[in-house]
């Protein structure tokens, strides 16, 4: 997957309509898994996959 398909936690959270902190809590609770975790500990997300993980239909 090209890196351009991946977004930061704040961008992914905005796409879902939740706060970045909420998305981070979902990760800690094991509800969602980021596409990758950078060495810095930051997450990168594929929004389409994230939506599928939490059962939200794609827009459009």
N, C-alpha and C. Protein backbone atom coordinates (compact mmCIF):
# COMPACT_ATOMS: atom_id res chain seq x y z
N UNK A 1 0.84 -1.17 0.00
CA UNK A 1 0.00 0.00 0.00
C UNK A 1 0.89 1.24 0.00
N UNK A 2 0.62 2.20 -0.87
CA UNK A 2 1.43 3.42 -0.88
C UNK A 2 1.24 4.20 0.41
N UNK A 3 2.29 4.82 0.91
CA UNK A 3 2.18 5.60 2.15
C UNK A 3 1.12 6.69 2.09
N UNK A 4 0.78 7.16 0.89
CA UNK A 4 -0.22 8.22 0.77
C UNK A 4 -1.60 7.76 1.24
N UNK A 5 -1.81 6.44 1.34
CA UNK A 5 -3.09 5.91 1.82
C UNK A 5 -3.19 5.96 3.34
N UNK A 6 -2.11 6.29 4.00
CA UNK A 6 -2.09 6.28 5.46
C UNK A 6 -2.20 7.70 6.01
N UNK A 7 -2.94 7.83 7.09
CA UNK A 7 -3.13 9.14 7.72
C UNK A 7 -2.76 9.06 9.19
N UNK A 8 -2.55 10.21 9.78
CA UNK A 8 -2.22 10.31 11.20
C UNK A 8 -3.47 10.03 12.05
N UNK A 9 -3.26 9.84 13.33
CA UNK A 9 -4.37 9.61 14.24
C UNK A 9 -5.37 10.76 14.24
N UNK A 10 -4.93 12.03 14.31
CA UNK A 10 -5.92 13.12 14.27
C UNK A 10 -6.75 13.12 12.98
N UNK A 11 -6.12 12.82 11.85
CA UNK A 11 -6.85 12.80 10.58
C UNK A 11 -7.82 11.62 10.53
N UNK A 12 -7.40 10.47 11.02
CA UNK A 12 -8.28 9.30 11.05
C UNK A 12 -9.47 9.55 11.98
N UNK A 13 -9.19 10.13 13.13
CA UNK A 13 -10.26 10.43 14.08
C UNK A 13 -11.27 11.40 13.48
N UNK A 14 -10.77 12.41 12.79
CA UNK A 14 -11.66 13.39 12.15
C UNK A 14 -12.56 12.70 11.12
N UNK A 15 -12.00 11.76 10.37
CA UNK A 15 -12.77 11.04 9.36
C UNK A 15 -13.89 10.21 10.00
N UNK A 16 -13.68 9.78 11.24
CA UNK A 16 -14.68 8.98 11.96
C UNK A 16 -15.64 9.83 12.78
N UNK A 17 -15.27 11.09 13.00
CA UNK A 17 -16.10 11.94 13.83
C UNK A 17 -15.89 11.74 15.32
N UNK A 18 -14.69 11.30 15.68
CA UNK A 18 -14.33 11.14 17.10
C UNK A 18 -13.06 11.93 17.36
N UNK A 19 -12.69 12.05 18.61
CA UNK A 19 -11.45 12.74 18.93
C UNK A 19 -10.26 11.80 18.77
N UNK A 20 -9.10 12.38 18.59
CA UNK A 20 -7.87 11.58 18.49
C UNK A 20 -7.66 10.79 19.78
N UNK A 21 -7.99 11.38 20.90
CA UNK A 21 -7.84 10.69 22.19
C UNK A 21 -8.75 9.47 22.25
N UNK A 22 -9.97 9.58 21.73
CA UNK A 22 -10.88 8.44 21.70
C UNK A 22 -10.31 7.32 20.85
N UNK A 23 -9.77 7.66 19.69
CA UNK A 23 -9.18 6.64 18.83
C UNK A 23 -8.00 5.97 19.52
N UNK A 24 -7.20 6.73 20.25
CA UNK A 24 -6.08 6.15 21.00
C UNK A 24 -6.59 5.21 22.10
N UNK A 25 -7.70 5.57 22.73
CA UNK A 25 -8.30 4.69 23.74
C UNK A 25 -8.79 3.39 23.10
N UNK A 26 -9.35 3.48 21.90
CA UNK A 26 -9.79 2.28 21.19
C UNK A 26 -8.61 1.34 20.94
N UNK A 27 -7.45 1.91 20.60
CA UNK A 27 -6.27 1.07 20.38
C UNK A 27 -5.88 0.37 21.67
N UNK A 28 -5.79 1.13 22.76
CA UNK A 28 -5.39 0.53 24.05
C UNK A 28 -6.38 -0.54 24.50
N UNK A 29 -7.66 -0.37 24.17
CA UNK A 29 -8.69 -1.35 24.56
C UNK A 29 -8.71 -2.55 23.62
N UNK A 30 -7.94 -2.49 22.54
CA UNK A 30 -7.90 -3.60 21.61
C UNK A 30 -9.06 -3.63 20.63
N UNK A 31 -9.78 -2.51 20.51
CA UNK A 31 -10.94 -2.45 19.62
C UNK A 31 -10.54 -2.23 18.16
N UNK A 32 -9.43 -1.54 17.95
CA UNK A 32 -8.93 -1.28 16.60
C UNK A 32 -7.43 -1.46 16.57
N UNK A 33 -6.91 -1.70 15.38
CA UNK A 33 -5.47 -1.87 15.20
C UNK A 33 -5.00 -0.93 14.10
N UNK A 34 -4.00 -0.10 14.37
CA UNK A 34 -3.49 0.80 13.32
C UNK A 34 -2.80 0.00 12.22
N UNK A 35 -2.73 0.60 11.05
CA UNK A 35 -2.05 -0.04 9.93
C UNK A 35 -0.57 -0.25 10.26
N UNK A 36 0.06 0.80 10.79
CA UNK A 36 1.44 0.68 11.25
C UNK A 36 1.63 1.54 12.49
N UNK A 37 2.63 1.18 13.28
CA UNK A 37 3.06 2.00 14.41
C UNK A 37 4.50 2.41 14.11
N UNK A 38 4.73 3.70 14.06
CA UNK A 38 6.06 4.23 13.77
C UNK A 38 6.99 4.00 14.96
N UNK A 39 8.30 4.04 14.73
CA UNK A 39 9.24 3.89 15.85
C UNK A 39 8.99 4.91 16.97
N UNK A 40 8.43 6.07 16.60
CA UNK A 40 8.14 7.10 17.60
C UNK A 40 6.92 6.76 18.45
N UNK A 41 6.18 5.69 18.05
CA UNK A 41 4.98 5.31 18.77
C UNK A 41 3.71 5.88 18.16
N UNK A 42 3.85 6.75 17.17
CA UNK A 42 2.69 7.30 16.50
C UNK A 42 2.08 6.26 15.56
N UNK A 43 0.77 6.36 15.39
CA UNK A 43 0.05 5.42 14.53
C UNK A 43 -0.20 6.03 13.17
N UNK A 44 -0.33 5.15 12.18
CA UNK A 44 -0.77 5.55 10.84
C UNK A 44 -1.92 4.62 10.47
N UNK A 45 -2.93 5.20 9.86
CA UNK A 45 -4.18 4.51 9.62
C UNK A 45 -4.58 4.52 8.16
N UNK A 46 -5.17 3.41 7.73
CA UNK A 46 -5.90 3.35 6.47
C UNK A 46 -7.36 3.53 6.89
N UNK A 47 -7.95 4.65 6.51
CA UNK A 47 -9.29 4.98 7.02
C UNK A 47 -10.33 3.95 6.59
N UNK A 48 -10.25 3.44 5.37
CA UNK A 48 -11.22 2.44 4.92
C UNK A 48 -11.14 1.19 5.80
N UNK A 49 -9.94 0.73 6.10
CA UNK A 49 -9.79 -0.45 6.97
C UNK A 49 -10.25 -0.15 8.39
N UNK A 50 -9.97 1.05 8.86
CA UNK A 50 -10.40 1.44 10.20
C UNK A 50 -11.92 1.44 10.29
N UNK A 51 -12.57 1.98 9.29
CA UNK A 51 -14.05 1.97 9.27
C UNK A 51 -14.58 0.54 9.32
N UNK A 52 -13.95 -0.37 8.58
CA UNK A 52 -14.40 -1.77 8.60
C UNK A 52 -14.19 -2.38 9.99
N UNK A 53 -13.08 -2.02 10.65
CA UNK A 53 -12.80 -2.59 11.97
C UNK A 53 -13.90 -2.23 12.97
N UNK A 54 -14.44 -1.02 12.85
CA UNK A 54 -15.43 -0.61 13.83
C UNK A 54 -16.86 -0.66 13.28
N UNK A 55 -16.99 -1.20 12.06
CA UNK A 55 -18.32 -1.44 11.51
C UNK A 55 -19.03 -0.22 10.98
N UNK A 56 -18.28 0.74 10.45
CA UNK A 56 -18.88 1.92 9.84
C UNK A 56 -18.81 1.75 8.33
N UNK A 57 -19.95 1.91 7.67
CA UNK A 57 -20.00 1.79 6.22
C UNK A 57 -19.22 2.94 5.57
N UNK A 58 -18.65 2.65 4.40
CA UNK A 58 -17.94 3.67 3.63
C UNK A 58 -18.89 4.77 3.19
N UNK A 59 -18.39 6.00 3.13
CA UNK A 59 -19.16 7.12 2.59
C UNK A 59 -19.30 6.92 1.09
N UNK A 60 -20.43 7.38 0.57
CA UNK A 60 -20.61 7.37 -0.89
C UNK A 60 -21.17 6.12 -1.32
